[in-house]
Amino acid sequence: MSDMTQSFIEMVEAFKAKPELEAKIATLEADNGICYQTIELKRTQLEQAEARIAELTSKLAEVTRERDDASFRNLELDEKLAGIEKLLGVAERLEQARRDEHKATVDAMTPKPEPVQVAVSPEAVNQVVDSYPGPIDPVVVEGQSAVDPTSAGQPENDTTTSKDGPETQIQSEPKINPYSGFPIHYPDGEYKGQPYYDKPSWVSWAAFVDGGGEPEPHMSL
């Protein structure tokens, strides 16, 4: 078989396979176009996702900054509130000291009447007693000591009787409020037994402790 015949046969076979190959080429070109469209769509979606991530990152940074500012302002308010509570306690103590000083000054400037002892004879006392039927105030008689009116009526000390004998009652000292410097007036108040970390933010430490609450550990007496 000559080369010309071989070429002719190959040309005939190629001509026969041409429609099928052209169909395959068209199918592949369509698939290639779909792939390019998918790639372009994914690229667009990726750009949109990156823009969304950048926007969310910016919002997160802004929210974080606002949170930090709010926390800082809360700390400043707590410090100012603590300073106001301390100033109130100092002012109360100064006012009490001023009142005590004023009372002491008034007491010192007020003249006190000196007791006058009248010396009378026993005969004069007997004569007055016989002539006056009503109650007689105690008087000092020469040769006798003055009678203490409290000694005849009630004992000096408040005592109680037990099986072992009389016992003297000792009054306990009141607990002092460490924030105001005054005694706690309402130990059984609405905050009785509450720990210091449960103190409401709108209640001062002096009022919280005065109502029975627990003071801060470093302020405990």
N, C-alpha and C. Protein backbone atom coordinates (compact mmCIF):
# COMPACT_ATOMS: atom_id res chain seq x y z
N MET A 1 0.88 -1.18 0.00
CA MET A 1 0.00 0.00 0.00
C MET A 1 0.92 1.24 0.00
N SER A 2 0.59 2.15 -0.87
CA SER A 2 1.42 3.32 -1.00
C SER A 2 1.06 4.35 0.08
N ASP A 3 1.92 5.31 0.23
CA ASP A 3 1.70 6.38 1.22
C ASP A 3 0.48 7.21 0.87
N MET A 4 0.23 7.39 -0.39
CA MET A 4 -0.91 8.18 -0.81
C MET A 4 -2.21 7.51 -0.41
N THR A 5 -2.24 6.16 -0.61
CA THR A 5 -3.43 5.40 -0.23
C THR A 5 -3.64 5.46 1.28
N GLN A 6 -2.55 5.35 2.01
CA GLN A 6 -2.63 5.41 3.48
C GLN A 6 -3.15 6.77 3.92
N SER A 7 -2.67 7.82 3.31
CA SER A 7 -3.12 9.16 3.68
C SER A 7 -4.60 9.35 3.36
N PHE A 8 -5.01 8.76 2.20
CA PHE A 8 -6.40 8.87 1.83
C PHE A 8 -7.29 8.16 2.82
N ILE A 9 -6.84 7.00 3.26
CA ILE A 9 -7.63 6.24 4.25
C ILE A 9 -7.73 7.02 5.57
N GLU A 10 -6.64 7.58 6.02
CA GLU A 10 -6.65 8.35 7.27
C GLU A 10 -7.55 9.57 7.14
N MET A 11 -7.51 10.21 5.94
CA MET A 11 -8.36 11.36 5.73
C MET A 11 -9.82 10.98 5.80
N VAL A 12 -10.16 9.82 5.24
CA VAL A 12 -11.54 9.36 5.27
C VAL A 12 -11.95 9.07 6.71
N GLU A 13 -11.09 8.42 7.45
CA GLU A 13 -11.42 8.10 8.86
C GLU A 13 -11.55 9.38 9.68
N ALA A 14 -10.68 10.36 9.40
CA ALA A 14 -10.77 11.63 10.14
C ALA A 14 -12.05 12.36 9.79
N PHE A 15 -12.45 12.29 8.50
CA PHE A 15 -13.67 12.94 8.09
C PHE A 15 -14.88 12.30 8.78
N LYS A 16 -14.81 10.98 8.92
CA LYS A 16 -15.90 10.30 9.62
C LYS A 16 -15.92 10.67 11.11
N ALA A 17 -14.78 10.83 11.74
CA ALA A 17 -14.72 11.12 13.19
C ALA A 17 -14.89 12.60 13.50
N LYS A 18 -14.88 13.44 12.45
CA LYS A 18 -14.95 14.88 12.66
C LYS A 18 -16.21 15.31 13.42
N PRO A 19 -17.43 14.88 13.06
CA PRO A 19 -18.63 15.33 13.81
C PRO A 19 -18.59 14.98 15.30
N GLU A 20 -18.10 13.76 15.54
CA GLU A 20 -18.04 13.33 16.96
C GLU A 20 -17.02 14.18 17.71
N LEU A 21 -15.90 14.45 17.07
CA LEU A 21 -14.87 15.25 17.75
C LEU A 21 -15.34 16.70 17.93
N GLU A 22 -16.03 17.21 16.90
CA GLU A 22 -16.54 18.56 17.04
C GLU A 22 -17.57 18.66 18.17
N ALA A 23 -18.40 17.62 18.36
CA ALA A 23 -19.38 17.61 19.45
C ALA A 23 -18.66 17.58 20.81
N LYS A 24 -17.61 16.75 20.88
CA LYS A 24 -16.84 16.68 22.12
C LYS A 24 -16.19 18.04 22.42
N ILE A 25 -15.67 18.69 21.35
CA ILE A 25 -15.04 19.99 21.55
C ILE A 25 -16.07 21.01 22.04
N ALA A 26 -17.27 20.98 21.47
CA ALA A 26 -18.32 21.92 21.89
C ALA A 26 -18.72 21.66 23.35
N THR A 27 -18.81 20.36 23.71
CA THR A 27 -19.16 20.03 25.09
C THR A 27 -18.08 20.51 26.07
N LEU A 28 -16.83 20.28 25.67
CA LEU A 28 -15.73 20.72 26.54
C LEU A 28 -15.67 22.24 26.65
N GLU A 29 -15.95 22.93 25.51
CA GLU A 29 -15.97 24.38 25.58
C GLU A 29 -17.09 24.88 26.50
N ALA A 30 -18.26 24.21 26.47
CA ALA A 30 -19.36 24.60 27.35
C ALA A 30 -18.99 24.36 28.81
N ASP A 31 -18.38 23.19 29.05
CA ASP A 31 -17.93 22.90 30.43
C ASP A 31 -16.89 23.92 30.88
N ASN A 32 -16.00 24.28 29.97
CA ASN A 32 -14.97 25.26 30.31
C ASN A 32 -15.61 26.61 30.65
N GLY A 33 -16.63 27.01 29.88
CA GLY A 33 -17.33 28.25 30.18
C GLY A 33 -18.02 28.23 31.54
N ILE A 34 -18.65 27.07 31.84
CA ILE A 34 -19.29 26.94 33.15
C ILE A 34 -18.25 27.04 34.28
N CYS A 35 -17.10 26.42 34.05
CA CYS A 35 -16.03 26.49 35.07
C CYS A 35 -15.56 27.93 35.27
N TYR A 36 -15.39 28.69 34.15
CA TYR A 36 -14.98 30.08 34.27
C TYR A 36 -16.04 30.91 35.02
N GLN A 37 -17.33 30.64 34.72
CA GLN A 37 -18.40 31.35 35.42
C GLN A 37 -18.40 31.01 36.92
N THR A 38 -18.18 29.73 37.24
CA THR A 38 -18.13 29.32 38.66
C THR A 38 -16.97 29.99 39.38
N ILE A 39 -15.81 30.02 38.69
CA ILE A 39 -14.64 30.66 39.30
C ILE A 39 -14.91 32.15 39.54
N GLU A 40 -15.54 32.81 38.57
CA GLU A 40 -15.84 34.23 38.72
C GLU A 40 -16.83 34.47 39.86
N LEU A 41 -17.85 33.57 39.96
CA LEU A 41 -18.83 33.69 41.05
C LEU A 41 -18.16 33.50 42.41
N LYS A 42 -17.28 32.49 42.50
CA LYS A 42 -16.58 32.26 43.76
C LYS A 42 -15.67 33.43 44.12
N ARG A 43 -15.04 34.04 43.09
CA ARG A 43 -14.19 35.19 43.36
C ARG A 43 -15.02 36.36 43.90
N THR A 44 -16.21 36.55 43.31
CA THR A 44 -17.09 37.62 43.79
C THR A 44 -17.55 37.36 45.22
N GLN A 45 -17.94 36.13 45.49
CA GLN A 45 -18.37 35.77 46.84
C GLN A 45 -17.22 35.94 47.84
N LEU A 46 -16.01 35.59 47.43
CA LEU A 46 -14.85 35.74 48.31
C LEU A 46 -14.59 37.21 48.62
N GLU A 47 -14.70 38.07 47.60
CA GLU A 47 -14.51 39.50 47.85
C GLU A 47 -15.58 40.05 48.79
N GLN A 48 -16.84 39.61 48.59
CA GLN A 48 -17.91 40.04 49.49
C GLN A 48 -17.68 39.55 50.91
N ALA A 49 -17.21 38.30 51.06
CA ALA A 49 -16.94 37.77 52.40
C ALA A 49 -15.80 38.53 53.07
N GLU A 50 -14.76 38.88 52.29
CA GLU A 50 -13.65 39.65 52.86
C GLU A 50 -14.12 41.03 53.31
N ALA A 51 -14.99 41.66 52.51
CA ALA A 51 -15.52 42.97 52.90
C ALA A 51 -16.38 42.86 54.15
N ARG A 52 -17.17 41.80 54.22
CA ARG A 52 -18.00 41.58 55.42
C ARG A 52 -17.14 41.34 56.65
N ILE A 53 -16.07 40.57 56.49
CA ILE A 53 -15.16 40.30 57.62
C ILE A 53 -14.49 41.60 58.07
N ALA A 54 -14.09 42.43 57.13
CA ALA A 54 -13.47 43.71 57.50
C ALA A 54 -14.46 44.60 58.25
N GLU A 55 -15.72 44.60 57.78
CA GLU A 55 -16.74 45.41 58.46
C GLU A 55 -16.99 44.91 59.87
N LEU A 56 -17.11 43.56 60.02
CA LEU A 56 -17.34 43.00 61.35
C LEU A 56 -16.14 43.24 62.27
N THR A 57 -14.95 43.17 61.73
CA THR A 57 -13.75 43.43 62.54
C THR A 57 -13.74 44.88 63.03
N SER A 58 -14.14 45.80 62.15
CA SER A 58 -14.21 47.21 62.57
C SER A 58 -15.26 47.41 63.65
N LYS A 59 -16.45 46.78 63.48
CA LYS A 59 -17.49 46.91 64.51
C LYS A 59 -17.04 46.29 65.82
N LEU A 60 -16.35 45.14 65.76
CA LEU A 60 -15.86 44.50 66.98
C LEU A 60 -14.86 45.39 67.71
N ALA A 61 -13.97 46.02 66.94
CA ALA A 61 -13.00 46.93 67.57
C ALA A 61 -13.71 48.11 68.22
N GLU A 62 -14.76 48.64 67.57
CA GLU A 62 -15.51 49.76 68.13
C GLU A 62 -16.24 49.35 69.40
N VAL A 63 -16.89 48.16 69.38
CA VAL A 63 -17.60 47.68 70.57
C VAL A 63 -16.63 47.43 71.71
N THR A 64 -15.46 46.86 71.40
CA THR A 64 -14.46 46.62 72.44
C THR A 64 -13.98 47.93 73.06
N ARG A 65 -13.79 48.94 72.22
CA ARG A 65 -13.37 50.24 72.72
C ARG A 65 -14.45 50.86 73.61
N GLU A 66 -15.72 50.75 73.18
CA GLU A 66 -16.81 51.27 74.02
C GLU A 66 -16.91 50.52 75.34
N ARG A 67 -16.71 49.19 75.30
CA ARG A 67 -16.75 48.42 76.55
C ARG A 67 -15.63 48.84 77.50
N ASP A 68 -14.44 49.04 76.95
CA ASP A 68 -13.32 49.48 77.80
C ASP A 68 -13.60 50.86 78.39
N ASP A 69 -14.18 51.75 77.57
CA ASP A 69 -14.51 53.09 78.09
C ASP A 69 -15.56 53.01 79.19
N ALA A 70 -16.57 52.14 78.99
CA ALA A 70 -17.62 51.99 80.01
C ALA A 70 -17.03 51.41 81.30
N SER A 71 -16.14 50.42 81.17
CA SER A 71 -15.51 49.85 82.37
C SER A 71 -14.68 50.90 83.10
N PHE A 72 -13.96 51.71 82.34
CA PHE A 72 -13.15 52.75 82.96
C PHE A 72 -14.03 53.78 83.67
N ARG A 73 -15.15 54.14 83.03
CA ARG A 73 -16.07 55.09 83.68
C ARG A 73 -16.68 54.50 84.94
N ASN A 74 -17.00 53.19 84.90
CA ASN A 74 -17.54 52.54 86.10
C ASN A 74 -16.52 52.56 87.23
N LEU A 75 -15.26 52.31 86.89
CA LEU A 75 -14.22 52.36 87.92
C LEU A 75 -14.09 53.77 88.50
N GLU A 76 -14.15 54.77 87.63
CA GLU A 76 -14.08 56.15 88.12
C GLU A 76 -15.26 56.47 89.03
N LEU A 77 -16.47 56.01 88.63
CA LEU A 77 -17.65 56.26 89.46
C LEU A 77 -17.52 55.56 90.81
N ASP A 78 -17.00 54.32 90.80
CA ASP A 78 -16.82 53.60 92.08
C ASP A 78 -15.84 54.34 92.97
N GLU A 79 -14.74 54.84 92.38
CA GLU A 79 -13.77 55.58 93.19
C GLU A 79 -14.38 56.87 93.74
N LYS A 80 -15.15 57.57 92.90
CA LYS A 80 -15.79 58.79 93.38
C LYS A 80 -16.80 58.49 94.48
N LEU A 81 -17.57 57.39 94.30
CA LEU A 81 -18.55 57.02 95.32
C LEU A 81 -17.87 56.67 96.64
N ALA A 82 -16.76 55.92 96.55
CA ALA A 82 -16.03 55.58 97.78
C ALA A 82 -15.49 56.85 98.44
N GLY A 83 -14.99 57.80 97.62
CA GLY A 83 -14.51 59.05 98.21
C GLY A 83 -15.63 59.85 98.85
N ILE A 84 -16.81 59.86 98.22
CA ILE A 84 -17.94 60.57 98.81
C ILE A 84 -18.36 59.93 100.12
N GLU A 85 -18.38 58.58 100.16
CA GLU A 85 -18.74 57.89 101.40
C GLU A 85 -17.74 58.22 102.52
N LYS A 86 -16.46 58.24 102.18
CA LYS A 86 -15.46 58.58 103.19
C LYS A 86 -15.65 60.02 103.66
N LEU A 87 -15.92 60.93 102.70
CA LEU A 87 -16.13 62.33 103.09
C LEU A 87 -17.36 62.47 103.97
N LEU A 88 -18.43 61.70 103.65
CA LEU A 88 -19.61 61.75 104.50
C LEU A 88 -19.30 61.26 105.91
N GLY A 89 -18.51 60.17 105.99
CA GLY A 89 -18.15 59.68 107.31
C GLY A 89 -17.32 60.68 108.09
N VAL A 90 -16.36 61.32 107.39
CA VAL A 90 -15.54 62.34 108.06
C VAL A 90 -16.41 63.52 108.48
N ALA A 91 -17.36 63.92 107.61
CA ALA A 91 -18.23 65.04 107.95
C ALA A 91 -19.11 64.71 109.16
N GLU A 92 -19.62 63.48 109.22
CA GLU A 92 -20.43 63.09 110.38
C GLU A 92 -19.61 63.11 111.66
N ARG A 93 -18.37 62.59 111.57
CA ARG A 93 -17.52 62.60 112.77
C ARG A 93 -17.17 64.03 113.19
N LEU A 94 -16.89 64.89 112.19
CA LEU A 94 -16.59 66.28 112.54
C LEU A 94 -17.80 66.97 113.14
N GLU A 95 -18.99 66.68 112.60
CA GLU A 95 -20.20 67.29 113.15
C GLU A 95 -20.45 66.82 114.56
N GLN A 96 -20.23 65.53 114.82
CA GLN A 96 -20.42 65.01 116.17
C GLN A 96 -19.39 65.62 117.13
N ALA A 97 -18.14 65.76 116.63
CA ALA A 97 -17.11 66.38 117.48
C ALA A 97 -17.46 67.84 117.77
N ARG A 98 -18.00 68.54 116.73
CA ARG A 98 -18.39 69.92 116.95
C ARG A 98 -19.52 70.03 117.97
N ARG A 99 -20.50 69.12 117.88
CA ARG A 99 -21.60 69.13 118.85
C ARG A 99 -21.10 68.84 120.25
N ASP A 100 -20.20 67.84 120.36
CA ASP A 100 -19.65 67.53 121.69
C ASP A 100 -18.89 68.72 122.27
N GLU A 101 -18.09 69.36 121.38
CA GLU A 101 -17.32 70.51 121.85
C GLU A 101 -18.25 71.65 122.26
N HIS A 102 -19.29 71.87 121.46
CA HIS A 102 -20.24 72.94 121.79
C HIS A 102 -20.94 72.63 123.11
N LYS A 103 -21.33 71.37 123.31
CA LYS A 103 -22.00 71.00 124.55
C LYS A 103 -21.05 71.17 125.74
N ALA A 104 -19.78 70.75 125.53
CA ALA A 104 -18.82 70.91 126.62
C ALA A 104 -18.58 72.38 126.94
N THR A 105 -18.54 73.22 125.87
CA THR A 105 -18.35 74.66 126.10
C THR A 105 -19.53 75.26 126.84
N VAL A 106 -20.75 74.86 126.42
CA VAL A 106 -21.94 75.39 127.10
C VAL A 106 -21.98 74.93 128.55
N ASP A 107 -21.63 73.65 128.77
CA ASP A 107 -21.61 73.15 130.15
C ASP A 107 -20.58 73.88 131.00
N ALA A 108 -19.43 74.19 130.35
CA ALA A 108 -18.38 74.87 131.12
C ALA A 108 -18.77 76.32 131.42
N MET A 109 -19.52 76.95 130.50
CA MET A 109 -19.90 78.34 130.72
C MET A 109 -21.14 78.50 131.59
N THR A 110 -21.89 77.42 131.75
CA THR A 110 -23.10 77.50 132.57
C THR A 110 -22.72 77.37 134.04
N PRO A 111 -23.02 78.35 134.87
CA PRO A 111 -22.67 78.24 136.30
C PRO A 111 -23.54 77.19 136.97
N LYS A 112 -22.90 76.39 137.76
CA LYS A 112 -23.60 75.35 138.50
C LYS A 112 -23.80 75.80 139.95
N PRO A 113 -24.99 75.67 140.46
CA PRO A 113 -25.23 76.07 141.86
C PRO A 113 -24.51 75.13 142.82
N GLU A 114 -23.83 75.76 143.78
CA GLU A 114 -23.12 74.96 144.77
C GLU A 114 -24.07 74.54 145.88
N PRO A 115 -23.98 73.32 146.33
CA PRO A 115 -24.86 72.87 147.41
C PRO A 115 -24.55 73.60 148.71
N VAL A 116 -25.60 74.04 149.37
CA VAL A 116 -25.47 74.77 150.64
C VAL A 116 -25.89 73.84 151.77
N GLN A 117 -25.00 73.66 152.67
CA GLN A 117 -25.28 72.83 153.83
C GLN A 117 -25.69 73.72 155.01
N VAL A 118 -26.80 73.41 155.54
CA VAL A 118 -27.33 74.18 156.68
C VAL A 118 -27.13 73.35 157.94
N ALA A 119 -26.45 73.92 158.89
CA ALA A 119 -26.20 73.23 160.15
C ALA A 119 -27.26 73.65 161.17
N VAL A 120 -27.98 72.73 161.66
CA VAL A 120 -29.01 72.99 162.68
C VAL A 120 -28.80 72.01 163.82
N SER A 121 -29.37 72.37 164.90
CA SER A 121 -29.24 71.52 166.09
C SER A 121 -30.31 70.44 166.05
N PRO A 122 -30.08 69.32 166.75
CA PRO A 122 -31.09 68.26 166.80
C PRO A 122 -32.40 68.75 167.41
N GLU A 123 -32.34 69.70 168.33
CA GLU A 123 -33.57 70.18 168.94
C GLU A 123 -34.43 70.91 167.91
N ALA A 124 -33.79 71.71 167.06
CA ALA A 124 -34.55 72.44 166.03
C ALA A 124 -35.17 71.48 165.02
N VAL A 125 -34.42 70.42 164.68
CA VAL A 125 -34.97 69.43 163.73
C VAL A 125 -36.18 68.76 164.34
N ASN A 126 -36.09 68.37 165.59
CA ASN A 126 -37.23 67.71 166.23
C ASN A 126 -38.43 68.65 166.30
N GLN A 127 -38.15 69.92 166.57
CA GLN A 127 -39.25 70.88 166.64
C GLN A 127 -39.93 71.04 165.28
N VAL A 128 -39.12 71.09 164.21
CA VAL A 128 -39.71 71.22 162.87
C VAL A 128 -40.48 69.98 162.49
N VAL A 129 -39.96 68.83 162.84
CA VAL A 129 -40.66 67.58 162.52
C VAL A 129 -41.99 67.51 163.24
N ASP A 130 -42.01 67.92 164.47
CA ASP A 130 -43.26 67.87 165.22
C ASP A 130 -44.31 68.85 164.70
N SER A 131 -43.83 69.99 164.20
CA SER A 131 -44.77 71.02 163.75
C SER A 131 -45.21 70.84 162.29
N TYR A 132 -44.46 70.06 161.48
CA TYR A 132 -44.79 69.91 160.03
C TYR A 132 -45.08 68.45 159.75
N PRO A 133 -46.35 68.14 159.41
CA PRO A 133 -46.69 66.72 159.22
C PRO A 133 -46.30 66.16 157.87
N GLY A 134 -45.92 66.98 156.88
CA GLY A 134 -45.61 66.49 155.54
C GLY A 134 -44.21 65.89 155.44
N PRO A 135 -43.81 65.50 154.21
CA PRO A 135 -42.47 64.92 154.01
C PRO A 135 -41.39 65.96 154.23
N ILE A 136 -40.30 65.54 154.73
CA ILE A 136 -39.20 66.43 155.10
C ILE A 136 -38.00 66.08 154.24
N ASP A 137 -37.38 67.10 153.62
CA ASP A 137 -36.17 66.89 152.84
C ASP A 137 -35.01 66.61 153.79
N PRO A 138 -34.03 65.82 153.36
CA PRO A 138 -32.90 65.54 154.24
C PRO A 138 -32.07 66.79 154.48
N VAL A 139 -31.64 66.98 155.70
CA VAL A 139 -30.78 68.10 156.08
C VAL A 139 -29.58 67.55 156.79
N VAL A 140 -28.54 68.38 156.82
CA VAL A 140 -27.30 68.00 157.49
C VAL A 140 -27.32 68.55 158.89
N VAL A 141 -27.14 67.69 159.84
CA VAL A 141 -27.11 68.07 161.25
C VAL A 141 -25.69 67.94 161.75
N GLU A 142 -25.30 68.89 162.62
CA GLU A 142 -23.96 68.84 163.19
C GLU A 142 -23.74 67.53 163.92
N GLY A 143 -22.62 66.93 163.58
CA GLY A 143 -22.30 65.65 164.21
C GLY A 143 -22.84 64.46 163.45
N GLN A 144 -23.61 64.70 162.33
CA GLN A 144 -24.15 63.61 161.55
C GLN A 144 -23.74 63.81 160.09
N SER A 145 -23.66 62.70 159.37
CA SER A 145 -23.32 62.77 157.94
C SER A 145 -24.58 62.87 157.11
N ALA A 146 -24.45 63.42 155.90
CA ALA A 146 -25.61 63.56 155.02
C ALA A 146 -26.09 62.20 154.57
N VAL A 147 -27.41 62.06 154.51
CA VAL A 147 -28.00 60.78 154.13
C VAL A 147 -28.16 60.73 152.63
N ASP A 148 -27.67 59.65 152.02
CA ASP A 148 -27.80 59.48 150.57
C ASP A 148 -29.18 58.94 150.28
N PRO A 149 -30.04 59.71 149.55
CA PRO A 149 -31.41 59.24 149.33
C PRO A 149 -31.47 57.98 148.49
N THR A 150 -30.42 57.71 147.71
CA THR A 150 -30.47 56.51 146.86
C THR A 150 -30.14 55.25 147.63
N SER A 151 -29.43 55.43 148.79
CA SER A 151 -29.01 54.23 149.53
C SER A 151 -30.17 53.55 150.20
N ALA A 152 -31.23 54.32 150.56
CA ALA A 152 -32.36 53.71 151.26
C ALA A 152 -33.37 53.09 150.31
N GLY A 153 -33.38 53.52 149.06
CA GLY A 153 -34.42 53.04 148.14
C GLY A 153 -33.96 51.89 147.28
N GLN A 154 -32.85 52.06 146.49
CA GLN A 154 -32.45 51.04 145.55
C GLN A 154 -30.93 50.91 145.58
N PRO A 155 -30.37 49.80 145.22
CA PRO A 155 -28.92 49.59 145.24
C PRO A 155 -28.25 50.39 144.14
N GLU A 156 -26.93 50.63 144.31
CA GLU A 156 -26.18 51.42 143.35
C GLU A 156 -25.99 50.65 142.05
N ASN A 157 -25.69 49.39 142.15
CA ASN A 157 -25.42 48.61 140.95
C ASN A 157 -26.63 47.75 140.62
N ASP A 158 -26.88 47.57 139.34
CA ASP A 158 -27.96 46.71 138.88
C ASP A 158 -27.48 45.28 138.96
N THR A 159 -28.06 44.50 139.84
CA THR A 159 -27.60 43.13 140.07
C THR A 159 -28.72 42.17 139.77
N THR A 160 -28.33 40.96 139.48
CA THR A 160 -29.26 39.85 139.29
C THR A 160 -28.86 38.73 140.22
N THR A 161 -29.83 37.95 140.62
CA THR A 161 -29.59 36.87 141.58
C THR A 161 -29.58 35.54 140.85
N SER A 162 -28.53 34.76 141.11
CA SER A 162 -28.42 33.41 140.56
C SER A 162 -28.28 32.43 141.70
N LYS A 163 -28.12 31.18 141.36
CA LYS A 163 -27.99 30.18 142.41
C LYS A 163 -26.70 30.34 143.21
N ASP A 164 -25.68 31.00 142.59
CA ASP A 164 -24.42 31.21 143.29
C ASP A 164 -24.38 32.55 144.02
N GLY A 165 -25.42 33.37 143.90
CA GLY A 165 -25.43 34.66 144.59
C GLY A 165 -25.68 35.78 143.61
N PRO A 166 -25.68 37.02 144.07
CA PRO A 166 -25.93 38.16 143.19
C PRO A 166 -24.81 38.35 142.18
N GLU A 167 -25.21 38.70 140.97
CA GLU A 167 -24.26 38.95 139.90
C GLU A 167 -24.52 40.35 139.35
N THR A 168 -23.45 41.06 139.09
CA THR A 168 -23.56 42.40 138.54
C THR A 168 -23.64 42.33 137.03
N GLN A 169 -24.65 42.98 136.44
CA GLN A 169 -24.79 42.99 134.99
C GLN A 169 -23.85 44.02 134.40
N ILE A 170 -23.07 43.59 133.40
CA ILE A 170 -22.11 44.46 132.73
C ILE A 170 -22.65 44.79 131.35
N GLN A 171 -22.89 46.04 131.11
CA GLN A 171 -23.43 46.47 129.82
C GLN A 171 -22.33 46.44 128.77
N SER A 172 -22.58 45.74 127.66
CA SER A 172 -21.58 45.62 126.60
C SER A 172 -21.50 46.92 125.81
N GLU A 173 -20.28 47.19 125.30
CA GLU A 173 -20.08 48.40 124.51
C GLU A 173 -20.74 48.24 123.14
N PRO A 174 -21.41 49.27 122.60
CA PRO A 174 -22.03 49.15 121.28
C PRO A 174 -20.97 49.03 120.19
N LYS A 175 -21.32 48.31 119.13
CA LYS A 175 -20.40 48.15 118.00
C LYS A 175 -20.37 49.42 117.18
N ILE A 176 -19.18 49.86 116.79
CA ILE A 176 -19.02 51.12 116.08
C ILE A 176 -19.04 50.87 114.57
N ASN A 177 -19.74 51.73 113.85
CA ASN A 177 -19.76 51.68 112.39
C ASN A 177 -18.43 52.21 111.88
N PRO A 178 -17.60 51.40 111.17
CA PRO A 178 -16.27 51.87 110.76
C PRO A 178 -16.31 52.98 109.72
N TYR A 179 -17.45 53.19 109.05
CA TYR A 179 -17.53 54.21 108.00
C TYR A 179 -18.01 55.55 108.55
N SER A 180 -18.87 55.52 109.57
CA SER A 180 -19.38 56.77 110.13
C SER A 180 -18.76 57.12 111.47
N GLY A 181 -18.21 56.15 112.17
CA GLY A 181 -17.64 56.41 113.48
C GLY A 181 -18.66 56.45 114.60
N PHE A 182 -19.94 56.18 114.30
CA PHE A 182 -21.00 56.20 115.30
C PHE A 182 -21.44 54.77 115.60
N PRO A 183 -22.10 54.57 116.75
CA PRO A 183 -22.60 53.22 117.05
C PRO A 183 -23.64 52.78 116.03
N ILE A 184 -23.69 51.45 115.81
CA ILE A 184 -24.66 50.88 114.88
C ILE A 184 -26.01 50.85 115.58
N HIS A 185 -27.00 51.58 115.00
CA HIS A 185 -28.30 51.70 115.64
C HIS A 185 -29.27 50.60 115.24
N TYR A 186 -29.08 50.01 114.06
CA TYR A 186 -30.05 49.03 113.57
C TYR A 186 -29.33 47.74 113.17
N PRO A 187 -28.74 47.01 114.15
CA PRO A 187 -28.02 45.78 113.78
C PRO A 187 -28.94 44.71 113.22
N ASP A 188 -30.24 44.79 113.50
CA ASP A 188 -31.20 43.82 112.98
C ASP A 188 -32.02 44.41 111.83
N GLY A 189 -31.41 45.31 111.05
CA GLY A 189 -32.12 45.98 109.96
C GLY A 189 -32.29 45.08 108.75
N GLU A 190 -32.64 45.70 107.61
CA GLU A 190 -32.97 44.95 106.41
C GLU A 190 -31.75 44.27 105.78
N TYR A 191 -30.51 44.67 106.16
CA TYR A 191 -29.32 44.06 105.60
C TYR A 191 -28.63 43.12 106.60
N LYS A 192 -29.36 42.66 107.60
CA LYS A 192 -28.75 41.82 108.64
C LYS A 192 -28.22 40.53 108.02
N GLY A 193 -26.95 40.23 108.32
CA GLY A 193 -26.34 38.99 107.88
C GLY A 193 -25.87 38.99 106.44
N GLN A 194 -26.08 40.05 105.68
CA GLN A 194 -25.66 40.05 104.28
C GLN A 194 -24.16 40.31 104.19
N PRO A 195 -23.42 39.54 103.34
CA PRO A 195 -21.98 39.78 103.20
C PRO A 195 -21.70 41.08 102.47
N TYR A 196 -20.46 41.53 102.58
CA TYR A 196 -20.13 42.85 102.04
C TYR A 196 -20.24 42.89 100.52
N TYR A 197 -20.02 41.71 99.83
CA TYR A 197 -20.08 41.73 98.38
C TYR A 197 -21.50 41.74 97.84
N ASP A 198 -22.53 41.65 98.70
CA ASP A 198 -23.93 41.74 98.27
C ASP A 198 -24.52 43.12 98.51
N LYS A 199 -23.69 44.11 98.84
CA LYS A 199 -24.19 45.46 99.11
C LYS A 199 -24.76 46.06 97.84
N PRO A 200 -26.00 46.58 97.86
CA PRO A 200 -26.54 47.25 96.68
C PRO A 200 -25.71 48.48 96.34
N SER A 201 -25.59 48.74 95.04
CA SER A 201 -24.75 49.85 94.60
C SER A 201 -25.31 51.21 95.00
N TRP A 202 -26.63 51.30 95.20
CA TRP A 202 -27.22 52.59 95.53
C TRP A 202 -27.21 52.88 97.04
N VAL A 203 -26.72 51.94 97.85
CA VAL A 203 -26.69 52.09 99.31
C VAL A 203 -25.25 52.40 99.73
N SER A 204 -25.06 53.40 100.56
CA SER A 204 -23.72 53.72 101.04
C SER A 204 -23.26 52.67 102.03
N TRP A 205 -21.93 52.63 102.20
CA TRP A 205 -21.38 51.63 103.13
C TRP A 205 -21.82 51.91 104.55
N ALA A 206 -21.92 53.19 104.93
CA ALA A 206 -22.33 53.52 106.29
C ALA A 206 -23.76 53.03 106.56
N ALA A 207 -24.68 53.27 105.58
CA ALA A 207 -26.07 52.83 105.76
C ALA A 207 -26.17 51.30 105.71
N PHE A 208 -25.34 50.67 104.86
CA PHE A 208 -25.38 49.20 104.76
C PHE A 208 -24.95 48.55 106.07
N VAL A 209 -23.86 49.04 106.65
CA VAL A 209 -23.38 48.48 107.93
C VAL A 209 -24.33 48.84 109.05
N ASP A 210 -24.89 50.07 109.04
CA ASP A 210 -25.83 50.47 110.08
C ASP A 210 -27.10 49.63 110.03
N GLY A 211 -27.44 49.07 108.85
CA GLY A 211 -28.61 48.21 108.74
C GLY A 211 -28.31 46.75 108.99
N GLY A 212 -27.13 46.42 109.51
CA GLY A 212 -26.81 45.04 109.87
C GLY A 212 -25.92 44.33 108.87
N GLY A 213 -25.50 45.01 107.77
CA GLY A 213 -24.66 44.37 106.78
C GLY A 213 -23.23 44.23 107.25
N GLU A 214 -22.50 43.38 106.54
CA GLU A 214 -21.10 43.12 106.88
C GLU A 214 -20.21 44.16 106.22
N PRO A 215 -19.27 44.80 106.95
CA PRO A 215 -18.39 45.78 106.33
C PRO A 215 -17.32 45.11 105.48
N GLU A 216 -16.62 45.91 104.71
CA GLU A 216 -15.53 45.37 103.92
C GLU A 216 -14.45 44.80 104.86
N PRO A 217 -13.72 43.76 104.35
CA PRO A 217 -12.74 43.13 105.26
C PRO A 217 -11.72 44.12 105.82
N HIS A 218 -11.24 45.04 104.98
CA HIS A 218 -10.22 45.97 105.48
C HIS A 218 -10.79 47.06 106.36
N MET A 219 -12.14 47.17 106.43
CA MET A 219 -12.78 48.16 107.30
C MET A 219 -13.34 47.55 108.58
N SER A 220 -13.21 46.23 108.74
CA SER A 220 -13.76 45.57 109.92
C SER A 220 -12.99 46.01 111.16
N LEU A 221 -13.76 46.18 112.25
CA LEU A 221 -13.13 46.58 113.51
C LEU A 221 -12.89 45.35 114.37
